Amino acid sequence: MNTNEIIEYENLLKLNSSFFQEYNTVFNDVLNSGWYIMGNQVAQFEKSFANYCGAKHCIGVANGLDALMLSLKIYNFPEDSEVIVPSNTYIATILSITQNGFKPVLVEPDIATYNIDPLLIRKSITSKTKAIMIVHLYGKPCNMEPIIEICKEFNLKLIEDCAQSHGAKYKGKMTGTFGDAGAFSFYPTKNLGALGDAGAVVTNDDEVADKIRTIRNYGSKVKYYNEVAGYNSRLDELQAAFLSVKLKSIEKITEHKRKLAEIYDKKISNAFIKPVKNNDYYDVFHIYNIRHEKRDQLKQYLLDNGVKTEIHYPVSPNKQQAMIGTLDSFNTPISEEIHKTTLSLPISYYHTEENIVKVCEIINAFPT
């Protein structure tokens, strides 16, 4: 097959090509400014992204994992504290808990939405539970009302993992603004992606914002004076400049991906399990996933017919070698069913509607 016919899952060069002219302009601005760490570009992006989210504060950090880790670190929970987390999340969410010395407590997702099931959260709360870390997986918001009620009832902190949910809304309110802190990743493949690693925490809590600003910069508010033992986790000036460029187009990016998702919804056969839709949830489709019991055969079939796909994620966290002795005691049949059957289809900003129609035609011809 001619490689020109291949529909790639993602291509970062094509994804970013429409921004190159502005990227070159801001690159030269940063280069010629002579200021490369914690300067005007970071301050400008923090202000713009906070406004976009409808949050009071945005604090830029080095990456999404740090955004999660620092959001927990500032509370100084006892070392044996437990943090509830969905059982089917990416390993970074788990690592942000274990790297703080806390215990992740896995709670199964709703098989329909793939997000943490609020009905199961309550059963996992103990006297050691200090926080719930939810994940708006694939760009679909969690069912926030019952989660917030549980946090209030048990006096738990709520951290939102928004690595895949830039611009997603639950009942008109942006993800990242429901809890004590919302942690974002700007990894290059995200709907709002940088050209390298980058992250941020958004919050409406002045104290949370102050503590994260301090801890991201060696625990220092005033240069050479360190109030707490901190980290070096600062959003780079250049990445902030690139993000400011792309942020201006985030609604256009989101609408394009939602349009591609609508084509999938309408044209893919019901022989495949497609994302559920609900008027309370404004999905941004960082990932468009389907499920099928013959997932591996389907993936190979699509590749043989010129369509590249990904699996988010092939192994559940409690089955990872790195988590032996930490998570392997958890029984997670729902999570494992998702990991065994899920397949992510092409849905990049650069994909055309014609690309997606073609993918649908090929999928529907899969010999089930």
Protein backbone atom coordinates (compact mmCIF):
# COMPACT_ATOMS: atom_id res chain seq x y z
CA MET A 1 0.00 0.00 0.00
CA ASN A 2 1.18 3.52 -0.80
CA THR A 3 2.14 5.18 2.52
CA ASN A 4 0.45 8.37 1.31
CA GLU A 5 -2.86 6.55 1.72
CA ILE A 6 -2.26 5.82 5.40
CA ILE A 7 -4.45 7.69 7.88
CA GLU A 8 -2.10 8.22 10.81
CA TYR A 9 -3.33 8.24 14.37
CA GLU A 10 -1.42 11.46 15.02
CA ASN A 11 1.22 13.56 13.28
CA LEU A 12 2.58 16.42 15.37
CA LEU A 13 4.17 18.15 12.39
CA LYS A 14 0.84 18.32 10.58
CA LEU A 15 -1.00 19.15 13.80
CA ASN A 16 1.15 22.21 14.45
CA SER A 17 1.85 23.38 10.91
CA SER A 18 -0.91 25.99 10.88
CA PHE A 19 0.70 27.64 13.93
CA PHE A 20 4.26 27.73 12.60
CA GLN A 21 4.27 31.37 11.53
CA GLU A 22 3.14 32.58 14.96
CA TYR A 23 5.44 30.09 16.67
CA ASN A 24 8.41 31.55 14.82
CA THR A 25 7.39 35.06 15.83
CA VAL A 26 7.09 34.25 19.54
CA PHE A 27 10.26 32.14 19.43
CA ASN A 28 12.20 35.19 18.27
CA ASP A 29 10.45 37.35 20.85
CA VAL A 30 11.60 35.02 23.63
CA LEU A 31 15.07 34.63 22.15
CA ASN A 32 15.58 38.36 21.88
CA SER A 33 14.11 39.13 25.27
CA GLY A 34 17.08 37.63 27.10
CA TRP A 35 14.69 36.32 29.77
CA TYR A 36 14.08 32.57 29.64
CA ILE A 37 12.70 31.46 33.03
CA MET A 38 9.60 32.78 34.86
CA GLY A 39 9.14 35.85 32.71
CA ASN A 40 6.40 37.70 30.87
CA GLN A 41 5.45 34.76 28.65
CA VAL A 42 4.62 32.56 31.64
CA ALA A 43 2.73 35.35 33.37
CA GLN A 44 0.75 36.08 30.21
CA PHE A 45 -0.18 32.46 29.62
CA GLU A 46 -1.13 31.91 33.26
CA LYS A 47 -3.50 34.87 33.11
CA SER A 48 -5.01 33.81 29.77
CA PHE A 49 -5.49 30.17 30.73
CA ALA A 50 -7.04 31.08 34.10
CA ASN A 51 -9.50 33.33 32.26
CA TYR A 52 -10.25 30.58 29.75
CA CYS A 53 -11.00 28.09 32.52
CA GLY A 54 -12.98 30.57 34.55
CA ALA A 55 -10.53 30.17 37.43
CA LYS A 56 -8.94 32.74 39.71
CA HIS A 57 -5.40 31.37 39.42
CA CYS A 58 -3.24 29.39 37.00
CA ILE A 59 0.24 28.30 38.06
CA GLY A 60 2.49 26.97 35.32
CA VAL A 61 4.61 23.92 36.14
CA ALA A 62 6.99 21.64 34.26
CA ASN A 63 4.53 18.90 33.28
CA GLY A 64 1.22 17.23 34.06
CA LEU A 65 2.63 14.76 36.58
CA ASP A 66 4.12 17.63 38.60
CA ALA A 67 0.78 19.45 38.44
CA LEU A 68 -0.87 16.46 40.11
CA MET A 69 1.95 15.74 42.53
CA LEU A 70 2.27 19.33 43.78
CA SER A 71 -1.50 19.63 44.15
CA LEU A 72 -1.32 16.83 46.72
CA LYS A 73 2.05 17.78 48.22
CA ILE A 74 0.90 21.12 49.59
CA TYR A 75 -1.50 19.48 52.07
CA ASN A 76 1.15 17.61 54.07
CA PHE A 77 -1.13 14.64 54.70
CA PRO A 78 0.25 11.90 56.99
CA GLU A 79 2.35 9.35 55.11
CA ASP A 80 -0.22 6.56 55.49
CA SER A 81 -2.97 8.70 53.94
CA GLU A 82 -5.19 7.21 51.26
CA VAL A 83 -6.18 8.91 48.01
CA ILE A 84 -9.07 7.51 45.98
CA VAL A 85 -8.34 7.29 42.25
CA PRO A 86 -9.99 5.57 39.25
CA SER A 87 -8.68 2.09 38.53
CA ASN A 88 -8.38 2.64 34.77
CA THR A 89 -6.37 5.85 34.73
CA TYR A 90 -2.93 6.43 33.20
CA ILE A 91 0.02 5.60 35.46
CA ALA A 92 0.89 9.30 35.99
CA THR A 93 -2.19 9.78 38.17
CA ILE A 94 -1.09 6.89 40.37
CA LEU A 95 2.53 8.08 40.50
CA SER A 96 1.49 11.50 41.77
CA ILE A 97 0.06 9.73 44.81
CA THR A 98 2.84 7.22 45.45
CA GLN A 99 5.58 9.83 44.98
CA ASN A 100 4.01 11.76 47.84
CA GLY A 101 4.20 8.65 50.02
CA PHE A 102 0.42 8.14 50.00
CA LYS A 103 -1.60 5.02 49.21
CA PRO A 104 -3.69 4.93 46.02
CA VAL A 105 -7.08 3.32 46.55
CA LEU A 106 -8.49 2.11 43.26
CA VAL A 107 -12.18 2.63 42.53
CA GLU A 108 -13.75 1.14 39.42
CA PRO A 109 -15.17 3.29 36.62
CA ASP A 110 -18.64 3.39 35.17
CA ILE A 111 -18.42 0.98 32.22
CA ALA A 112 -20.48 3.41 30.09
CA THR A 113 -18.44 6.60 30.65
CA TYR A 114 -15.04 5.15 31.70
CA ASN A 115 -14.93 7.75 34.48
CA ILE A 116 -14.89 6.93 38.20
CA ASP A 117 -18.22 5.60 39.44
CA PRO A 118 -19.50 7.89 42.25
CA LEU A 119 -21.64 5.04 43.62
CA LEU A 120 -18.48 3.06 44.37
CA ILE A 121 -16.45 5.89 45.91
CA ARG A 122 -18.32 5.90 49.21
CA LYS A 123 -17.59 2.19 49.80
CA SER A 124 -13.83 2.84 49.61
CA ILE A 125 -13.63 5.70 52.12
CA THR A 126 -11.84 4.93 55.40
CA SER A 127 -10.55 6.98 58.32
CA LYS A 128 -7.29 7.38 56.35
CA THR A 129 -8.90 8.80 53.20
CA LYS A 130 -7.79 12.39 52.67
CA ALA A 131 -8.54 13.14 49.04
CA ILE A 132 -10.23 12.01 45.85
CA MET A 133 -8.30 12.38 42.62
CA ILE A 134 -10.71 12.13 39.71
CA VAL A 135 -9.76 11.86 36.04
CA HIS A 136 -11.81 13.37 33.20
CA LEU A 137 -10.73 10.53 30.94
CA TYR A 138 -10.59 10.90 27.14
CA GLY A 139 -11.98 14.44 27.44
CA LYS A 140 -15.30 13.49 29.05
CA PRO A 141 -16.12 15.23 32.35
CA CYS A 142 -16.85 13.15 35.42
CA ASN A 143 -20.27 13.12 37.07
CA MET A 144 -19.37 15.95 39.42
CA GLU A 145 -22.43 16.57 41.63
CA PRO A 146 -22.31 13.32 43.65
CA ILE A 147 -18.52 13.50 43.87
CA ILE A 148 -18.66 17.00 45.32
CA GLU A 149 -21.32 15.90 47.80
CA ILE A 150 -19.10 13.04 49.00
CA CYS A 151 -16.11 15.37 49.42
CA LYS A 152 -18.18 17.76 51.50
CA GLU A 153 -19.68 14.98 53.61
CA PHE A 154 -16.30 13.42 54.48
CA ASN A 155 -14.23 16.63 54.36
CA LEU A 156 -12.02 15.36 51.54
CA LYS A 157 -9.84 17.35 49.18
CA LEU A 158 -10.77 17.06 45.51
CA ILE A 159 -8.04 17.07 42.86
CA GLU A 160 -9.06 16.98 39.20
CA ASP A 161 -6.78 15.33 36.67
CA CYS A 162 -7.58 17.40 33.59
CA ALA A 163 -4.73 16.12 31.42
CA GLN A 164 -7.22 15.19 28.68
CA SER A 165 -10.07 17.62 29.33
CA HIS A 166 -9.00 21.12 28.27
CA GLY A 167 -12.27 22.96 27.71
CA ALA A 168 -14.56 20.10 28.74
CA LYS A 169 -17.62 21.15 30.74
CA TYR A 170 -20.04 19.58 33.17
CA LYS A 171 -23.37 21.42 33.16
CA GLY A 172 -21.67 24.42 31.59
CA LYS A 173 -18.79 24.64 34.07
CA MET A 174 -15.21 23.96 33.04
CA THR A 175 -13.35 20.94 34.32
CA GLY A 176 -10.58 21.96 36.67
CA THR A 177 -12.77 24.43 38.55
CA PHE A 178 -14.87 22.04 40.67
CA GLY A 179 -12.23 20.89 43.13
CA ASP A 180 -9.48 22.35 45.26
CA ALA A 181 -7.12 22.15 42.28
CA GLY A 182 -7.25 21.17 38.62
CA ALA A 183 -4.07 19.69 37.14
CA PHE A 184 -3.42 20.07 33.41
CA SER A 185 -0.88 18.54 31.07
CA PHE A 186 0.15 20.29 27.88
CA TYR A 187 1.96 17.30 26.40
CA PRO A 188 2.21 17.85 22.62
CA THR A 189 -0.66 15.50 21.70
CA LYS A 190 -3.19 17.20 23.98
CA ASN A 191 -5.96 19.39 22.56
CA LEU A 192 -3.94 22.28 23.98
CA GLY A 193 -0.44 20.93 23.47
CA ALA A 194 2.97 22.55 23.77
CA LEU A 195 6.08 21.62 21.77
CA GLY A 196 7.53 19.80 24.76
CA ASP A 197 6.56 19.00 28.33
CA ALA A 198 4.46 21.57 30.18
CA GLY A 199 1.71 21.67 32.78
CA ALA A 200 -0.35 23.90 35.05
CA VAL A 201 -2.56 23.93 38.11
CA VAL A 202 -5.72 26.03 38.18
CA THR A 203 -7.53 26.90 41.39
CA ASN A 204 -9.90 29.40 42.95
CA ASP A 205 -8.21 29.02 46.34
CA ASP A 206 -5.70 31.79 47.10
CA GLU A 207 -3.83 29.65 49.62
CA VAL A 208 -3.48 26.71 47.24
CA ALA A 209 -2.19 29.03 44.51
CA ASP A 210 0.34 30.66 46.84
CA LYS A 211 1.66 27.31 48.06
CA ILE A 212 2.05 25.86 44.56
CA ARG A 213 3.78 29.01 43.29
CA THR A 214 6.22 28.64 46.17
CA ILE A 215 6.82 24.90 45.99
CA ARG A 216 7.33 24.86 42.20
CA ASN A 217 10.27 27.28 42.64
CA TYR A 218 12.47 25.54 45.23
CA GLY A 219 10.07 26.56 48.01
CA SER A 220 11.03 30.18 47.51
CA LYS A 221 8.99 33.37 47.24
CA VAL A 222 12.03 35.63 47.45
CA LYS A 223 15.16 34.59 45.56
CA TYR A 224 17.65 32.67 47.72
CA TYR A 225 15.22 32.51 50.66
CA ASN A 226 13.49 29.13 50.95
CA GLU A 227 10.45 28.80 53.19
CA VAL A 228 9.78 25.12 52.47
CA ALA A 229 11.54 22.24 50.77
CA GLY A 230 10.34 22.67 47.21
CA TYR A 231 10.95 21.48 43.66
CA ASN A 232 12.22 22.84 40.39
CA SER A 233 9.01 22.59 38.37
CA ARG A 234 8.58 25.75 36.35
CA LEU A 235 6.77 26.24 33.07
CA ASP A 236 9.35 27.24 30.46
CA GLU A 237 9.09 30.70 28.86
CA LEU A 238 9.23 29.25 25.35
CA GLN A 239 6.55 26.63 25.97
CA ALA A 240 4.36 29.27 27.58
CA ALA A 241 4.73 31.41 24.45
CA PHE A 242 3.76 28.51 22.19
CA LEU A 243 0.78 27.70 24.42
CA SER A 244 -0.44 31.29 24.28
CA VAL A 245 -0.47 31.03 20.50
CA LYS A 246 -2.46 27.79 20.46
CA LEU A 247 -4.80 28.90 23.25
CA LYS A 248 -6.26 31.48 20.87
CA SER A 249 -7.45 28.59 18.69
CA ILE A 250 -8.59 26.17 21.38
CA GLU A 251 -12.29 26.63 20.66
CA LYS A 252 -11.66 26.02 16.96
CA ILE A 253 -9.66 22.90 17.80
CA THR A 254 -12.39 21.63 20.12
CA GLU A 255 -15.20 22.25 17.65
CA HIS A 256 -13.28 20.48 14.88
CA LYS A 257 -12.70 17.42 17.05
CA ARG A 258 -16.33 17.39 18.17
CA LYS A 259 -17.39 17.49 14.52
CA LEU A 260 -15.16 14.52 13.72
CA ALA A 261 -16.57 12.68 16.74
CA GLU A 262 -20.08 13.32 15.47
CA ILE A 263 -19.19 11.63 12.20
CA TYR A 264 -17.93 8.60 14.10
CA ASP A 265 -21.10 8.59 16.21
CA LYS A 266 -23.36 8.61 13.18
CA LYS A 267 -21.46 6.36 10.81
CA ILE A 268 -19.84 3.63 12.89
CA SER A 269 -21.94 0.51 13.18
CA ASN A 270 -23.56 -0.33 16.51
CA ALA A 271 -21.55 -3.55 16.43
CA PHE A 272 -18.93 -1.39 18.15
CA ILE A 273 -19.37 0.28 21.54
CA LYS A 274 -19.14 4.04 21.04
CA PRO A 275 -18.83 6.88 23.59
CA VAL A 276 -22.07 7.70 25.38
CA LYS A 277 -23.55 11.17 24.96
CA ASN A 278 -25.40 13.27 27.52
CA ASN A 279 -26.45 16.91 27.44
CA ASP A 280 -24.85 17.51 30.85
CA TYR A 281 -21.42 16.67 29.43
CA TYR A 282 -19.53 18.79 26.90
CA ASP A 283 -16.89 16.34 25.65
CA VAL A 284 -13.74 17.58 23.93
CA PHE A 285 -12.60 14.21 22.53
CA HIS A 286 -8.91 14.31 23.24
CA ILE A 287 -9.43 10.62 22.50
CA TYR A 288 -12.27 8.97 20.58
CA ASN A 289 -12.40 5.39 21.77
CA ILE A 290 -14.52 2.48 20.76
CA ARG A 291 -14.67 -0.97 22.33
CA HIS A 292 -14.88 -4.39 20.75
CA GLU A 293 -14.28 -7.90 22.06
CA LYS A 294 -11.91 -8.58 19.15
CA ARG A 295 -9.92 -5.41 19.76
CA ASP A 296 -6.50 -6.77 18.80
CA GLN A 297 -7.80 -8.25 15.55
CA LEU A 298 -9.63 -5.00 14.81
CA LYS A 299 -6.48 -2.96 15.41
CA GLN A 300 -4.48 -5.16 13.03
CA TYR A 301 -7.29 -5.12 10.45
CA LEU A 302 -7.36 -1.32 10.48
CA LEU A 303 -3.58 -1.14 10.15
CA ASP A 304 -3.69 -3.58 7.22
CA ASN A 305 -6.19 -1.25 5.59
CA GLY A 306 -4.19 1.95 6.15
CA VAL A 307 -5.58 3.24 9.48
CA LYS A 308 -3.30 3.63 12.49
CA THR A 309 -4.82 3.46 15.97
CA GLU A 310 -3.68 3.50 19.59
CA ILE A 311 -4.71 1.75 22.79
CA HIS A 312 -5.38 3.94 25.83
CA TYR A 313 -4.38 1.92 27.78
CA PRO A 314 -3.32 -1.69 27.20
CA VAL A 315 -2.55 -2.51 30.87
CA SER A 316 -4.50 -1.45 33.96
CA PRO A 317 -2.40 0.23 36.69
CA ASN A 318 -2.74 -2.67 39.15
CA LYS A 319 -1.28 -5.03 36.54
CA GLN A 320 1.83 -2.91 35.90
CA GLN A 321 5.12 -4.39 37.06
CA ALA A 322 5.97 -1.10 38.77
CA MET A 323 2.89 -1.43 40.98
CA ILE A 324 3.56 -4.94 42.32
CA GLY A 325 3.17 -4.72 46.09
CA THR A 326 1.29 -1.43 45.79
CA LEU A 327 -1.81 -2.03 43.69
CA ASP A 328 -1.85 -5.71 42.78
CA SER A 329 -4.18 -6.55 45.67
CA PHE A 330 -7.03 -4.61 44.03
CA ASN A 331 -9.59 -6.57 42.03
CA THR A 332 -10.63 -4.47 39.03
CA PRO A 333 -12.67 -6.49 36.51
CA ILE A 334 -14.40 -3.45 34.98
CA SER A 335 -11.11 -1.65 34.42
CA GLU A 336 -9.53 -4.76 32.95
CA GLU A 337 -12.48 -5.22 30.59
CA ILE A 338 -11.98 -1.66 29.34
CA HIS A 339 -8.23 -2.09 28.91
CA LYS A 340 -8.80 -5.35 27.04
CA THR A 341 -11.37 -3.99 24.57
CA THR A 342 -10.69 -0.27 24.05
CA LEU A 343 -9.29 1.20 20.84
CA SER A 344 -8.57 4.86 20.08
CA LEU A 345 -9.37 6.12 16.58
CA PRO A 346 -7.73 9.00 14.68
CA ILE A 347 -9.22 12.36 15.73
CA SER A 348 -6.51 14.97 15.40
CA TYR A 349 -7.03 18.65 14.61
CA TYR A 350 -5.40 18.07 11.20
CA HIS A 351 -7.65 15.15 10.20
CA THR A 352 -10.32 15.98 7.65
CA GLU A 353 -13.95 14.93 7.67
CA GLU A 354 -13.13 12.81 4.61
CA ASN A 355 -10.44 11.00 6.63
CA ILE A 356 -12.96 10.11 9.32
CA VAL A 357 -15.63 8.98 6.87
CA LYS A 358 -13.03 6.66 5.32
CA VAL A 359 -12.11 5.25 8.74
CA CYS A 360 -15.80 4.56 9.42
CA GLU A 361 -16.18 2.72 6.11
CA ILE A 362 -13.17 0.52 6.88
CA ILE A 363 -14.32 -0.21 10.46
CA ASN A 364 -17.80 -1.15 9.35
CA ALA A 365 -16.33 -3.72 6.94
CA PHE A 366 -14.54 -5.52 9.79
CA PRO A 367 -15.66 -9.16 9.72
CA THR A 368 -17.21 -9.44 13.19
